[in-house]
């Protein structure tokens, strides 16, 4: 493990619009604040930034709720149109109560409301809209990583972060929805502990830990700091996508 890691919130990231060249915008901001990008840097970037650049908006006036959505909306006291979007983005509804629906997202994440959010989402044309998750977060992270390599020659890593609640603790934490160039999961089973005994169950969610660190600077409200750069991380393990963090259903004791 490194003795020190620096985390820097990159200032002056503008509001992102569909079709924006996200890597170019972020690199320009990094140049202004840090001067350069270095191989081994890890970009921790909020999911909403990717979703906005990819145009993952849904306009509520274009959504026609099904009977299932209407029934679930009544039980959860939510807008039937938003509930329809939640169902459309999900494989299964696990739990619900007023204000929240816990689902298995089409990508396998267990999360509230399928990650669909209206916070910090403007409506410039007066039409209500919400933001969906990217179609393929790992692919989005890889595309960003490749763009940085092409522009700078530096081999960086990328984590697409989001904030989620947990079944067994209060509060939200940052996790990795997408990743490129990082070992998302590190299996330490069999490695010796301080006394030489082999570890039996130590599997580290490395990308989640990095995402949570970045979330300390990104914030949860109006901070306007969607991009954090981590420098000094040592990653001597093979890169794995963030999809590797999803627990197999057979091992999920909360379902």
C-alpha atoms as a PDB file:
ATOM      1  CA  UNK A   1       0.000   0.000   0.000  1.00  0.00           C
ATOM      2  CA  UNK A   2       1.229   3.555  -0.660  1.00  0.00           C
ATOM      3  CA  UNK A   3       2.313   5.766   2.209  1.00  0.00           C
ATOM      4  CA  UNK A   4       0.354   8.711   0.835  1.00  0.00           C
ATOM      5  CA  UNK A   5      -2.330   9.353  -1.765  1.00  0.00           C
ATOM      6  CA  UNK A   6      -3.429  12.812  -2.840  1.00  0.00           C
ATOM      7  CA  UNK A   7      -6.987  13.584  -3.868  1.00  0.00           C
ATOM      8  CA  UNK A   8      -7.687  16.777  -5.790  1.00  0.00           C
ATOM      9  CA  UNK A   9     -11.110  18.049  -6.758  1.00  0.00           C
ATOM     10  CA  UNK A  10     -10.681  19.528 -10.233  1.00  0.00           C
ATOM     11  CA  UNK A  11     -12.243  23.012 -10.329  1.00  0.00           C
ATOM     12  CA  UNK A  12     -14.061  24.786 -13.127  1.00  0.00           C
ATOM     13  CA  UNK A  13     -15.760  21.786 -14.692  1.00  0.00           C
ATOM     14  CA  UNK A  14     -18.670  23.335 -16.622  1.00  0.00           C
ATOM     15  CA  UNK A  15     -22.172  21.904 -16.704  1.00  0.00           C
ATOM     16  CA  UNK A  16     -22.004  19.051 -19.187  1.00  0.00           C
ATOM     17  CA  UNK A  17     -24.429  18.807 -22.085  1.00  0.00           C
ATOM     18  CA  UNK A  18     -25.224  15.898 -24.421  1.00  0.00           C
ATOM     19  CA  UNK A  19     -22.524  15.419 -27.023  1.00  0.00           C
ATOM     20  CA  UNK A  20     -19.827  17.291 -25.077  1.00  0.00           C
ATOM     21  CA  UNK A  21     -16.272  15.959 -25.409  1.00  0.00           C
ATOM     22  CA  UNK A  22     -15.933  14.965 -21.758  1.00  0.00           C
ATOM     23  CA  UNK A  23     -12.254  13.894 -21.839  1.00  0.00           C
ATOM     24  CA  UNK A  24     -11.222  17.163 -23.543  1.00  0.00           C
ATOM     25  CA  UNK A  25     -13.179  19.243 -21.021  1.00  0.00           C
ATOM     26  CA  UNK A  26     -11.694  17.404 -18.046  1.00  0.00           C
ATOM     27  CA  UNK A  27      -8.140  17.500 -19.406  1.00  0.00           C
ATOM     28  CA  UNK A  28      -8.392  21.260 -19.974  1.00  0.00           C
ATOM     29  CA  UNK A  29      -9.507  21.737 -16.378  1.00  0.00           C
ATOM     30  CA  UNK A  30      -6.697  19.499 -15.081  1.00  0.00           C
ATOM     31  CA  UNK A  31      -4.149  21.486 -17.066  1.00  0.00           C
ATOM     32  CA  UNK A  32      -5.376  24.708 -15.462  1.00  0.00           C
ATOM     33  CA  UNK A  33      -5.277  23.321 -11.895  1.00  0.00           C
ATOM     34  CA  UNK A  34      -2.514  20.697 -11.784  1.00  0.00           C
ATOM     35  CA  UNK A  35      -0.533  21.393 -14.929  1.00  0.00           C
ATOM     36  CA  UNK A  36      -0.461  17.917 -16.384  1.00  0.00           C
ATOM     37  CA  UNK A  37      -1.678  14.343 -16.278  1.00  0.00           C
ATOM     38  CA  UNK A  38       0.642  11.563 -15.139  1.00  0.00           C
ATOM     39  CA  UNK A  39       0.604   7.848 -15.805  1.00  0.00           C
ATOM     40  CA  UNK A  40      -0.958   6.123 -12.825  1.00  0.00           C
ATOM     41  CA  UNK A  41      -3.396   8.964 -12.128  1.00  0.00           C
ATOM     42  CA  UNK A  42      -6.908   7.800 -11.331  1.00  0.00           C
ATOM     43  CA  UNK A  43      -9.853   9.906 -12.474  1.00  0.00           C
ATOM     44  CA  UNK A  44     -12.888   9.537 -10.196  1.00  0.00           C
ATOM     45  CA  UNK A  45     -15.787  10.979 -12.159  1.00  0.00           C
ATOM     46  CA  UNK A  46     -19.421  11.228 -11.078  1.00  0.00           C
ATOM     47  CA  UNK A  47     -21.861   9.068 -12.993  1.00  0.00           C
ATOM     48  CA  UNK A  48     -24.087  12.033 -13.800  1.00  0.00           C
ATOM     49  CA  UNK A  49     -21.321  13.662 -15.816  1.00  0.00           C
ATOM     50  CA  UNK A  50     -21.055  10.605 -18.048  1.00  0.00           C
ATOM     51  CA  UNK A  51     -24.830  10.281 -18.322  1.00  0.00           C
ATOM     52  CA  UNK A  52     -25.224  13.927 -19.305  1.00  0.00           C
ATOM     53  CA  UNK A  53     -22.494  13.721 -21.952  1.00  0.00           C
ATOM     54  CA  UNK A  54     -24.127  10.585 -23.340  1.00  0.00           C
ATOM     55  CA  UNK A  55     -27.566  12.215 -23.432  1.00  0.00           C
ATOM     56  CA  UNK A  56     -29.184   9.752 -21.052  1.00  0.00           C
ATOM     57  CA  UNK A  57     -32.126  12.031 -20.327  1.00  0.00           C
ATOM     58  CA  UNK A  58     -35.726  10.864 -20.231  1.00  0.00           C
ATOM     59  CA  UNK A  59     -38.541  13.397 -20.550  1.00  0.00           C
ATOM     60  CA  UNK A  60     -41.489  12.577 -18.329  1.00  0.00           C
ATOM     61  CA  UNK A  61     -44.057  13.892 -20.794  1.00  0.00           C
ATOM     62  CA  UNK A  62     -42.958  11.146 -23.193  1.00  0.00           C
ATOM     63  CA  UNK A  63     -43.518   8.301 -20.692  1.00  0.00           C
ATOM     64  CA  UNK A  64     -46.758   6.302 -20.694  1.00  0.00           C
ATOM     65  CA  UNK A  65     -47.106   4.404 -17.372  1.00  0.00           C
ATOM     66  CA  UNK A  66     -48.340   0.835 -17.440  1.00  0.00           C
ATOM     67  CA  UNK A  67     -50.879  -0.532 -14.965  1.00  0.00           C
ATOM     68  CA  UNK A  68     -48.013  -2.083 -13.003  1.00  0.00           C
ATOM     69  CA  UNK A  69     -46.288   1.291 -12.773  1.00  0.00           C
ATOM     70  CA  UNK A  70     -49.467   3.027 -11.634  1.00  0.00           C
ATOM     71  CA  UNK A  71     -50.057   0.455  -8.880  1.00  0.00           C
ATOM     72  CA  UNK A  72     -46.469   0.671  -7.667  1.00  0.00           C
ATOM     73  CA  UNK A  73     -46.589   4.472  -7.818  1.00  0.00           C
ATOM     74  CA  UNK A  74     -49.608   4.494  -5.513  1.00  0.00           C
ATOM     75  CA  UNK A  75     -47.803   2.248  -3.023  1.00  0.00           C
ATOM     76  CA  UNK A  76     -44.636   4.342  -3.087  1.00  0.00           C
ATOM     77  CA  UNK A  77     -46.224   7.794  -3.462  1.00  0.00           C
ATOM     78  CA  UNK A  78     -44.121   8.472  -6.545  1.00  0.00           C
ATOM     79  CA  UNK A  79     -44.816   9.874  -9.997  1.00  0.00           C
ATOM     80  CA  UNK A  80     -46.115   6.962 -12.150  1.00  0.00           C
ATOM     81  CA  UNK A  81     -43.970   8.153 -15.044  1.00  0.00           C
ATOM     82  CA  UNK A  82     -40.791   7.938 -12.978  1.00  0.00           C
ATOM     83  CA  UNK A  83     -41.874   4.533 -11.685  1.00  0.00           C
ATOM     84  CA  UNK A  84     -42.318   3.372 -15.275  1.00  0.00           C
ATOM     85  CA  UNK A  85     -38.759   4.423 -16.041  1.00  0.00           C
ATOM     86  CA  UNK A  86     -37.543   2.559 -12.949  1.00  0.00           C
ATOM     87  CA  UNK A  87     -39.295  -0.600 -14.142  1.00  0.00           C
ATOM     88  CA  UNK A  88     -37.979  -0.175 -17.676  1.00  0.00           C
ATOM     89  CA  UNK A  89     -34.405   0.061 -16.381  1.00  0.00           C
ATOM     90  CA  UNK A  90     -34.748  -2.887 -13.993  1.00  0.00           C
ATOM     91  CA  UNK A  91     -34.853  -6.661 -14.030  1.00  0.00           C
ATOM     92  CA  UNK A  92     -36.644  -7.122 -10.695  1.00  0.00           C
ATOM     93  CA  UNK A  93     -38.283  -5.153  -7.889  1.00  0.00           C
ATOM     94  CA  UNK A  94     -36.940  -6.399  -4.550  1.00  0.00           C
ATOM     95  CA  UNK A  95     -38.501  -4.047  -1.991  1.00  0.00           C
ATOM     96  CA  UNK A  96     -40.488  -0.841  -1.859  1.00  0.00           C
ATOM     97  CA  UNK A  97     -41.896   1.644   0.580  1.00  0.00           C
ATOM     98  CA  UNK A  98     -43.150   5.229   0.265  1.00  0.00           C
ATOM     99  CA  UNK A  99     -40.468   7.242  -1.502  1.00  0.00           C
ATOM    100  CA  UNK A 100     -38.182   4.430  -2.644  1.00  0.00           C
ATOM    101  CA  UNK A 101     -38.109   1.328  -4.829  1.00  0.00           C
ATOM    102  CA  UNK A 102     -35.213  -1.123  -4.468  1.00  0.00           C
ATOM    103  CA  UNK A 103     -34.558  -2.914  -7.732  1.00  0.00           C
ATOM    104  CA  UNK A 104     -32.075  -5.075  -9.541  1.00  0.00           C
ATOM    105  CA  UNK A 105     -30.922  -2.755 -12.308  1.00  0.00           C
ATOM    106  CA  UNK A 106     -30.583  -4.207 -15.806  1.00  0.00           C
ATOM    107  CA  UNK A 107     -26.786  -4.067 -15.250  1.00  0.00           C
ATOM    108  CA  UNK A 108     -27.040  -6.141 -12.068  1.00  0.00           C
ATOM    109  CA  UNK A 109     -26.687  -3.372  -9.464  1.00  0.00           C
ATOM    110  CA  UNK A 110     -29.068  -3.541  -6.503  1.00  0.00           C
ATOM    111  CA  UNK A 111     -30.005   0.082  -5.939  1.00  0.00           C
ATOM    112  CA  UNK A 112     -32.754   2.559  -5.187  1.00  0.00           C
ATOM    113  CA  UNK A 113     -34.954   3.756  -8.053  1.00  0.00           C
ATOM    114  CA  UNK A 114     -32.659   2.179 -10.675  1.00  0.00           C
ATOM    115  CA  UNK A 115     -30.243   5.062 -10.171  1.00  0.00           C
ATOM    116  CA  UNK A 116     -32.701   7.441 -11.863  1.00  0.00           C
ATOM    117  CA  UNK A 117     -32.388  10.932 -10.458  1.00  0.00           C
ATOM    118  CA  UNK A 118     -33.729  14.437 -10.950  1.00  0.00           C
ATOM    119  CA  UNK A 119     -31.357  16.262  -8.600  1.00  0.00           C
ATOM    120  CA  UNK A 120     -29.050  18.817 -10.221  1.00  0.00           C
ATOM    121  CA  UNK A 121     -30.925  18.267 -13.490  1.00  0.00           C
ATOM    122  CA  UNK A 122     -32.036  21.434 -15.235  1.00  0.00           C
ATOM    123  CA  UNK A 123     -35.076  21.817 -17.486  1.00  0.00           C
ATOM    124  CA  UNK A 124     -34.025  24.509 -19.960  1.00  0.00           C
ATOM    125  CA  UNK A 125     -37.063  23.955 -22.173  1.00  0.00           C
ATOM    126  CA  UNK A 126     -39.499  23.774 -19.257  1.00  0.00           C
ATOM    127  CA  UNK A 127     -40.046  20.024 -19.602  1.00  0.00           C
ATOM    128  CA  UNK A 128     -39.450  17.763 -16.610  1.00  0.00           C
ATOM    129  CA  UNK A 129     -36.665  15.285 -17.194  1.00  0.00           C
ATOM    130  CA  UNK A 130     -34.624  12.762 -15.249  1.00  0.00           C
ATOM    131  CA  UNK A 131     -31.240  11.182 -15.833  1.00  0.00           C
ATOM    132  CA  UNK A 132     -30.635   7.470 -16.367  1.00  0.00           C
ATOM    133  CA  UNK A 133     -27.421   5.545 -15.815  1.00  0.00           C
ATOM    134  CA  UNK A 134     -25.102   5.091 -18.807  1.00  0.00           C
ATOM    135  CA  UNK A 135     -25.870   2.124 -21.032  1.00  0.00           C
ATOM    136  CA  UNK A 136     -22.503   0.484 -20.233  1.00  0.00           C
ATOM    137  CA  UNK A 137     -20.522   2.160 -17.414  1.00  0.00           C
ATOM    138  CA  UNK A 138     -17.402   0.025 -17.886  1.00  0.00           C
ATOM    139  CA  UNK A 139     -17.338   0.845 -21.595  1.00  0.00           C
ATOM    140  CA  UNK A 140     -17.795   4.554 -20.829  1.00  0.00           C
ATOM    141  CA  UNK A 141     -14.851   4.475 -18.411  1.00  0.00           C
ATOM    142  CA  UNK A 142     -12.689   2.638 -20.954  1.00  0.00           C
ATOM    143  CA  UNK A 143     -13.567   5.130 -23.671  1.00  0.00           C
ATOM    144  CA  UNK A 144     -12.531   8.023 -21.402  1.00  0.00           C
ATOM    145  CA  UNK A 145      -9.267   6.257 -20.500  1.00  0.00           C
ATOM    146  CA  UNK A 146      -8.439   5.642 -24.164  1.00  0.00           C
ATOM    147  CA  UNK A 147      -9.179   9.266 -25.040  1.00  0.00           C
ATOM    148  CA  UNK A 148      -6.787  10.500 -22.340  1.00  0.00           C
ATOM    149  CA  UNK A 149      -4.100   8.119 -23.614  1.00  0.00           C
ATOM    150  CA  UNK A 150      -4.558   9.383 -27.163  1.00  0.00           C
ATOM    151  CA  UNK A 151      -4.435  13.029 -26.106  1.00  0.00           C
ATOM    152  CA  UNK A 152      -1.591  12.902 -23.580  1.00  0.00           C
ATOM    153  CA  UNK A 153       0.263   9.627 -24.024  1.00  0.00           C
ATOM    154  CA  UNK A 154      -0.292   8.928 -20.314  1.00  0.00           C
ATOM    155  CA  UNK A 155      -1.794   5.670 -19.069  1.00  0.00           C
ATOM    156  CA  UNK A 156      -4.438   6.630 -16.509  1.00  0.00           C
ATOM    157  CA  UNK A 157      -7.274   4.808 -14.784  1.00  0.00           C
ATOM    158  CA  UNK A 158     -10.915   5.841 -14.607  1.00  0.00           C
ATOM    159  CA  UNK A 159     -13.663   5.164 -12.081  1.00  0.00           C
ATOM    160  CA  UNK A 160     -17.269   6.175 -12.681  1.00  0.00           C
ATOM    161  CA  UNK A 161     -18.626   6.827  -9.190  1.00  0.00           C
ATOM    162  CA  UNK A 162     -22.107   7.042  -7.743  1.00  0.00           C
ATOM    163  CA  UNK A 163     -23.587   7.247  -4.256  1.00  0.00           C
ATOM    164  CA  UNK A 164     -25.712   4.413  -2.928  1.00  0.00           C
ATOM    165  CA  UNK A 165     -27.230   3.313   0.357  1.00  0.00           C
ATOM    166  CA  UNK A 166     -26.423  -0.015   1.986  1.00  0.00           C
ATOM    167  CA  UNK A 167     -28.682  -2.706   3.366  1.00  0.00           C
ATOM    168  CA  UNK A 168     -26.946  -2.895   6.721  1.00  0.00           C
ATOM    169  CA  UNK A 169     -25.869   0.693   7.467  1.00  0.00           C
ATOM    170  CA  UNK A 170     -27.353   4.175   7.346  1.00  0.00           C
ATOM    171  CA  UNK A 171     -26.103   6.816   4.917  1.00  0.00           C
ATOM    172  CA  UNK A 172     -24.757   6.725   1.398  1.00  0.00           C
ATOM    173  CA  UNK A 173     -21.220   6.050   0.204  1.00  0.00           C
ATOM    174  CA  UNK A 174     -19.469   6.296  -3.128  1.00  0.00           C
ATOM    175  CA  UNK A 175     -19.120   3.139  -5.201  1.00  0.00           C
ATOM    176  CA  UNK A 176     -17.742   2.326  -8.651  1.00  0.00           C
ATOM    177  CA  UNK A 177     -20.356   1.761 -11.345  1.00  0.00           C
ATOM    178  CA  UNK A 178     -17.745   1.615 -14.085  1.00  0.00           C
ATOM    179  CA  UNK A 179     -13.982   1.219 -14.139  1.00  0.00           C
ATOM    180  CA  UNK A 180     -11.042   0.970 -16.511  1.00  0.00           C
ATOM    181  CA  UNK A 181      -7.402   0.416 -15.636  1.00  0.00           C
ATOM    182  CA  UNK A 182      -7.996  -0.440 -11.980  1.00  0.00           C
ATOM    183  CA  UNK A 183      -8.283  -3.761 -10.131  1.00  0.00           C
ATOM    184  CA  UNK A 184     -11.930  -3.388  -9.134  1.00  0.00           C
ATOM    185  CA  UNK A 185     -11.773  -6.524  -6.995  1.00  0.00           C
ATOM    186  CA  UNK A 186      -8.619  -7.769  -5.267  1.00  0.00           C
ATOM    187  CA  UNK A 187      -8.720 -11.341  -3.962  1.00  0.00           C
ATOM    188  CA  UNK A 188      -6.274 -11.687  -1.069  1.00  0.00           C
ATOM    189  CA  UNK A 189      -7.364 -15.150  -0.007  1.00  0.00           C
ATOM    190  CA  UNK A 190      -4.335 -17.313   0.602  1.00  0.00           C
ATOM    191  CA  UNK A 191      -2.022 -14.387   1.260  1.00  0.00           C
ATOM    192  CA  UNK A 192      -0.383 -14.434   4.704  1.00  0.00           C
ATOM    193  CA  UNK A 193      -1.502 -12.162   7.514  1.00  0.00           C
ATOM    194  CA  UNK A 194       0.937 -10.543   9.985  1.00  0.00           C
ATOM    195  CA  UNK A 195       1.518 -13.911  11.644  1.00  0.00           C
ATOM    196  CA  UNK A 196       1.822 -15.971   8.483  1.00  0.00           C
ATOM    197  CA  UNK A 197      -1.667 -17.428   8.582  1.00  0.00           C
ATOM    198  CA  UNK A 198      -3.367 -17.565   5.169  1.00  0.00           C
ATOM    199  CA  UNK A 199      -6.267 -15.180   4.758  1.00  0.00           C
ATOM    200  CA  UNK A 200      -9.551 -17.030   4.342  1.00  0.00           C
ATOM    201  CA  UNK A 201     -12.115 -14.491   3.134  1.00  0.00           C
ATOM    202  CA  UNK A 202     -10.352 -11.212   2.343  1.00  0.00           C
ATOM    203  CA  UNK A 203     -11.694  -9.890  -0.963  1.00  0.00           C
ATOM    204  CA  UNK A 204     -11.197  -6.132  -1.335  1.00  0.00           C
ATOM    205  CA  UNK A 205     -13.586  -3.924  -3.314  1.00  0.00           C
ATOM    206  CA  UNK A 206     -10.685  -1.743  -4.414  1.00  0.00           C
ATOM    207  CA  UNK A 207     -12.559   0.380  -6.945  1.00  0.00           C
ATOM    208  CA  UNK A 208     -15.336   1.027  -4.421  1.00  0.00           C
ATOM    209  CA  UNK A 209     -12.785   2.169  -1.839  1.00  0.00           C
ATOM    210  CA  UNK A 210     -11.266   4.624  -4.304  1.00  0.00           C
ATOM    211  CA  UNK A 211     -14.710   5.849  -5.361  1.00  0.00           C
ATOM    212  CA  UNK A 212     -15.647   6.441  -1.716  1.00  0.00           C
ATOM    213  CA  UNK A 213     -12.459   8.438  -1.173  1.00  0.00           C
ATOM    214  CA  UNK A 214     -13.273  10.616  -4.161  1.00  0.00           C
ATOM    215  CA  UNK A 215     -16.832  11.084  -2.920  1.00  0.00           C
ATOM    216  CA  UNK A 216     -15.478  12.949   0.118  1.00  0.00           C
ATOM    217  CA  UNK A 217     -14.534  15.787  -2.235  1.00  0.00           C
ATOM    218  CA  UNK A 218     -17.320  15.406  -4.775  1.00  0.00           C
ATOM    219  CA  UNK A 219     -20.034  15.850  -2.146  1.00  0.00           C
ATOM    220  CA  UNK A 220     -23.703  15.011  -2.431  1.00  0.00           C
ATOM    221  CA  UNK A 221     -25.386  18.320  -3.162  1.00  0.00           C
ATOM    222  CA  UNK A 222     -24.443  21.601  -4.789  1.00  0.00           C
ATOM    223  CA  UNK A 223     -20.664  21.289  -4.487  1.00  0.00           C
ATOM    224  CA  UNK A 224     -20.171  21.214  -8.248  1.00  0.00           C
ATOM    225  CA  UNK A 225     -17.066  19.006  -8.033  1.00  0.00           C
ATOM    226  CA  UNK A 226     -17.802  15.981 -10.222  1.00  0.00           C
ATOM    227  CA  UNK A 227     -14.176  15.150 -11.033  1.00  0.00           C
ATOM    228  CA  UNK A 228     -11.506  14.123  -8.538  1.00  0.00           C
ATOM    229  CA  UNK A 229      -7.979  13.070  -9.447  1.00  0.00           C
ATOM    230  CA  UNK A 230      -6.209  10.543  -7.214  1.00  0.00           C
ATOM    231  CA  UNK A 231      -2.429  10.433  -7.409  1.00  0.00           C
ATOM    232  CA  UNK A 232      -0.043   8.036  -5.687  1.00  0.00           C
ATOM    233  CA  UNK A 233      -2.148   4.874  -5.697  1.00  0.00           C
ATOM    234  CA  UNK A 234      -0.259   1.633  -6.165  1.00  0.00           C
ATOM    235  CA  UNK A 235      -2.133  -0.980  -8.157  1.00  0.00           C
ATOM    236  CA  UNK A 236       0.030  -4.086  -8.588  1.00  0.00           C
ATOM    237  CA  UNK A 237      -2.945  -6.267  -9.552  1.00  0.00           C
ATOM    238  CA  UNK A 238      -4.549  -6.957 -12.924  1.00  0.00           C
ATOM    239  CA  UNK A 239      -7.291  -4.497 -13.940  1.00  0.00           C
ATOM    240  CA  UNK A 240     -10.858  -5.770 -13.732  1.00  0.00           C
ATOM    241  CA  UNK A 241     -14.116  -4.037 -14.694  1.00  0.00           C
ATOM    242  CA  UNK A 242     -16.507  -2.689 -12.101  1.00  0.00           C
ATOM    243  CA  UNK A 243     -19.003  -5.363 -13.113  1.00  0.00           C
ATOM    244  CA  UNK A 244     -16.778  -7.789 -11.174  1.00  0.00           C
ATOM    245  CA  UNK A 245     -17.978  -6.093  -7.978  1.00  0.00           C
ATOM    246  CA  UNK A 246     -21.539  -7.357  -8.382  1.00  0.00           C
ATOM    247  CA  UNK A 247     -22.147 -10.200  -5.963  1.00  0.00           C
ATOM    248  CA  UNK A 248     -23.575 -13.389  -7.414  1.00  0.00           C
ATOM    249  CA  UNK A 249     -27.221 -13.922  -6.444  1.00  0.00           C
ATOM    250  CA  UNK A 250     -26.366 -17.299  -4.913  1.00  0.00           C
ATOM    251  CA  UNK A 251     -24.032 -15.544  -2.456  1.00  0.00           C
ATOM    252  CA  UNK A 252     -26.339 -12.613  -1.672  1.00  0.00           C
ATOM    253  CA  UNK A 253     -27.761 -13.142   1.816  1.00  0.00           C
ATOM    254  CA  UNK A 254     -29.929 -10.006   1.575  1.00  0.00           C
ATOM    255  CA  UNK A 255     -32.124 -11.375  -1.214  1.00  0.00           C
END
